[in-house]
N, C-alpha and C. Protein backbone atom coordinates (compact mmCIF):
# COMPACT_ATOMS: atom_id res chain seq x y z
N MET A 1 0.82 -1.20 0.00
CA MET A 1 0.00 0.00 0.00
C MET A 1 0.87 1.26 0.00
N LYS A 2 2.00 1.21 0.63
CA LYS A 2 2.88 2.38 0.66
C LYS A 2 3.37 2.74 -0.74
N LYS A 3 3.64 1.72 -1.56
CA LYS A 3 4.11 1.98 -2.91
C LYS A 3 3.05 2.72 -3.72
N GLU A 4 1.79 2.35 -3.53
CA GLU A 4 0.71 3.01 -4.25
C GLU A 4 0.63 4.48 -3.89
N VAL A 5 0.81 4.80 -2.63
CA VAL A 5 0.76 6.18 -2.18
C VAL A 5 1.89 6.97 -2.82
N LYS A 6 3.09 6.39 -2.85
CA LYS A 6 4.23 7.08 -3.45
C LYS A 6 3.99 7.35 -4.92
N LYS A 7 3.45 6.37 -5.64
CA LYS A 7 3.19 6.56 -7.07
C LYS A 7 2.17 7.67 -7.28
N GLN A 8 1.14 7.71 -6.47
CA GLN A 8 0.13 8.75 -6.61
C GLN A 8 0.74 10.12 -6.33
N ASN A 9 1.59 10.22 -5.34
CA ASN A 9 2.22 11.50 -5.03
C ASN A 9 3.09 11.99 -6.17
N LYS A 10 3.81 11.08 -6.81
CA LYS A 10 4.66 11.47 -7.94
C LYS A 10 3.82 12.00 -9.08
N LYS A 11 2.69 11.38 -9.36
CA LYS A 11 1.84 11.80 -10.46
C LYS A 11 1.14 13.11 -10.14
N ASP A 12 0.91 13.37 -8.88
CA ASP A 12 0.21 14.59 -8.48
C ASP A 12 1.10 15.82 -8.54
N LYS A 13 2.42 15.62 -8.56
CA LYS A 13 3.33 16.76 -8.60
C LYS A 13 3.13 17.52 -9.90
N LYS A 14 3.20 18.83 -9.80
CA LYS A 14 3.06 19.68 -10.98
C LYS A 14 4.39 20.37 -11.24
N PRO A 15 4.60 20.78 -12.48
CA PRO A 15 5.86 21.47 -12.80
C PRO A 15 6.05 22.69 -11.91
N LYS A 16 7.26 22.88 -11.46
CA LYS A 16 7.54 24.00 -10.55
C LYS A 16 8.40 25.06 -11.21
N THR A 17 9.43 24.64 -11.90
CA THR A 17 10.35 25.61 -12.49
C THR A 17 9.90 25.97 -13.90
N PRO A 18 10.33 27.12 -14.40
CA PRO A 18 10.00 27.48 -15.79
C PRO A 18 10.50 26.43 -16.79
N GLU A 19 11.62 25.79 -16.48
CA GLU A 19 12.14 24.74 -17.36
C GLU A 19 11.21 23.53 -17.39
N ASP A 20 10.67 23.17 -16.23
CA ASP A 20 9.73 22.05 -16.18
C ASP A 20 8.47 22.37 -16.96
N ILE A 21 7.98 23.58 -16.81
CA ILE A 21 6.78 23.99 -17.54
C ILE A 21 7.03 23.91 -19.04
N LEU A 22 8.19 24.39 -19.47
CA LEU A 22 8.56 24.35 -20.89
C LEU A 22 8.66 22.90 -21.37
N LYS A 23 9.25 22.04 -20.56
CA LYS A 23 9.41 20.63 -20.92
C LYS A 23 8.05 19.97 -21.12
N TYR A 24 7.13 20.20 -20.19
CA TYR A 24 5.78 19.64 -20.30
C TYR A 24 5.05 20.20 -21.52
N GLU A 25 5.23 21.46 -21.77
CA GLU A 25 4.59 22.11 -22.92
C GLU A 25 5.06 21.48 -24.23
N ILE A 26 6.35 21.28 -24.36
CA ILE A 26 6.92 20.69 -25.57
C ILE A 26 6.48 19.23 -25.72
N ALA A 27 6.49 18.49 -24.61
CA ALA A 27 6.05 17.09 -24.66
C ALA A 27 4.60 17.00 -25.12
N THR A 28 3.78 17.93 -24.68
CA THR A 28 2.38 17.96 -25.11
C THR A 28 2.28 18.26 -26.60
N GLU A 29 3.06 19.22 -27.05
CA GLU A 29 3.06 19.57 -28.48
C GLU A 29 3.49 18.41 -29.35
N LEU A 30 4.42 17.60 -28.85
CA LEU A 30 4.92 16.46 -29.62
C LEU A 30 4.02 15.23 -29.47
N GLY A 31 2.99 15.33 -28.65
CA GLY A 31 2.06 14.21 -28.46
C GLY A 31 2.62 13.10 -27.60
N LEU A 32 3.50 13.43 -26.67
CA LEU A 32 4.14 12.42 -25.83
C LEU A 32 3.58 12.34 -24.41
N MET A 33 2.62 13.18 -24.07
CA MET A 33 2.13 13.21 -22.69
C MET A 33 1.45 11.92 -22.27
N ASP A 34 0.73 11.26 -23.16
CA ASP A 34 0.10 9.98 -22.80
C ASP A 34 1.16 8.95 -22.42
N LYS A 35 2.22 8.91 -23.19
CA LYS A 35 3.31 7.97 -22.92
C LYS A 35 3.99 8.31 -21.59
N ILE A 36 4.16 9.60 -21.32
CA ILE A 36 4.81 10.04 -20.08
C ILE A 36 3.92 9.73 -18.88
N LYS A 37 2.62 9.94 -19.02
CA LYS A 37 1.70 9.65 -17.92
C LYS A 37 1.66 8.17 -17.59
N GLU A 38 1.77 7.32 -18.61
CA GLU A 38 1.74 5.87 -18.39
C GLU A 38 3.03 5.35 -17.77
N GLY A 39 4.17 5.74 -18.34
CA GLY A 39 5.43 5.15 -17.90
C GLY A 39 6.43 6.12 -17.32
N GLY A 40 6.07 7.38 -17.22
CA GLY A 40 7.00 8.37 -16.71
C GLY A 40 7.99 8.80 -17.77
N TRP A 41 8.86 9.71 -17.40
CA TRP A 41 9.85 10.24 -18.34
C TRP A 41 10.82 9.16 -18.80
N LYS A 42 11.03 8.16 -17.96
CA LYS A 42 11.98 7.10 -18.32
C LYS A 42 11.46 6.23 -19.46
N SER A 43 10.18 6.32 -19.78
CA SER A 43 9.62 5.51 -20.86
C SER A 43 9.91 6.08 -22.25
N LEU A 44 10.44 7.30 -22.29
CA LEU A 44 10.75 7.92 -23.58
C LEU A 44 12.04 7.32 -24.16
N THR A 45 12.08 7.29 -25.47
CA THR A 45 13.31 6.84 -26.13
C THR A 45 14.33 7.97 -26.10
N ALA A 46 15.56 7.64 -26.41
CA ALA A 46 16.61 8.66 -26.45
C ALA A 46 16.28 9.71 -27.51
N LYS A 47 15.71 9.27 -28.60
CA LYS A 47 15.35 10.19 -29.69
C LYS A 47 14.29 11.18 -29.22
N GLU A 48 13.28 10.69 -28.51
CA GLU A 48 12.21 11.56 -28.01
C GLU A 48 12.73 12.53 -26.97
N SER A 49 13.56 12.03 -26.05
CA SER A 49 14.13 12.91 -25.02
C SER A 49 15.03 13.97 -25.63
N GLY A 50 15.83 13.55 -26.61
CA GLY A 50 16.72 14.49 -27.28
C GLY A 50 15.95 15.55 -28.04
N ARG A 51 14.85 15.16 -28.62
CA ARG A 51 14.04 16.13 -29.35
C ARG A 51 13.48 17.19 -28.39
N ILE A 52 12.98 16.73 -27.25
CA ILE A 52 12.46 17.67 -26.24
C ILE A 52 13.59 18.61 -25.79
N GLY A 53 14.76 18.05 -25.49
CA GLY A 53 15.89 18.87 -25.04
C GLY A 53 16.35 19.86 -26.10
N GLY A 54 16.37 19.42 -27.33
CA GLY A 54 16.78 20.30 -28.43
C GLY A 54 15.82 21.47 -28.61
N ILE A 55 14.54 21.17 -28.56
CA ILE A 55 13.54 22.24 -28.70
C ILE A 55 13.61 23.19 -27.51
N MET A 56 13.84 22.64 -26.31
CA MET A 56 13.98 23.49 -25.12
C MET A 56 15.14 24.45 -25.29
N THR A 57 16.26 23.94 -25.76
CA THR A 57 17.45 24.78 -25.95
C THR A 57 17.19 25.89 -26.96
N THR A 58 16.54 25.54 -28.06
CA THR A 58 16.22 26.53 -29.09
C THR A 58 15.32 27.62 -28.53
N ARG A 59 14.30 27.22 -27.80
CA ARG A 59 13.36 28.21 -27.25
C ARG A 59 14.02 29.09 -26.19
N LYS A 60 14.90 28.49 -25.38
CA LYS A 60 15.60 29.29 -24.36
C LYS A 60 16.47 30.35 -25.02
N LYS A 61 17.15 29.98 -26.10
CA LYS A 61 17.98 30.95 -26.82
C LYS A 61 17.14 32.08 -27.39
N LYS A 62 16.00 31.73 -27.97
CA LYS A 62 15.11 32.76 -28.53
C LYS A 62 14.58 33.68 -27.42
N MET A 63 14.21 33.09 -26.28
CA MET A 63 13.71 33.89 -25.17
C MET A 63 14.79 34.83 -24.63
N LYS A 64 16.01 34.34 -24.58
CA LYS A 64 17.13 35.14 -24.08
C LYS A 64 17.40 36.32 -25.04
N GLN A 65 17.33 36.07 -26.36
CA GLN A 65 17.55 37.13 -27.34
C GLN A 65 16.43 38.17 -27.29
N ASN A 66 15.21 37.72 -27.06
CA ASN A 66 14.07 38.64 -27.00
C ASN A 66 14.12 39.54 -25.77
N ASN A 67 14.76 39.08 -24.70
CA ASN A 67 14.83 39.85 -23.46
C ASN A 67 15.94 40.90 -23.49
N LYS A 68 16.83 40.83 -24.46
CA LYS A 68 17.95 41.79 -24.53
C LYS A 68 17.51 43.10 -25.09
């Protein structure tokens, strides 16, 4: 029963940092949220994770340039 509680708590957590919010946003855009909800972030392939990271990097650079 303790394991079930821990799993529920992990799923209930919401993104806290701007980076987490961006990561979830990109995953949703790529249609990966169902996969993430079922198996967590570890269920993604290297290609999927890399794609999310690459898009995050690109967007961060654009945001940084826009703020200057």
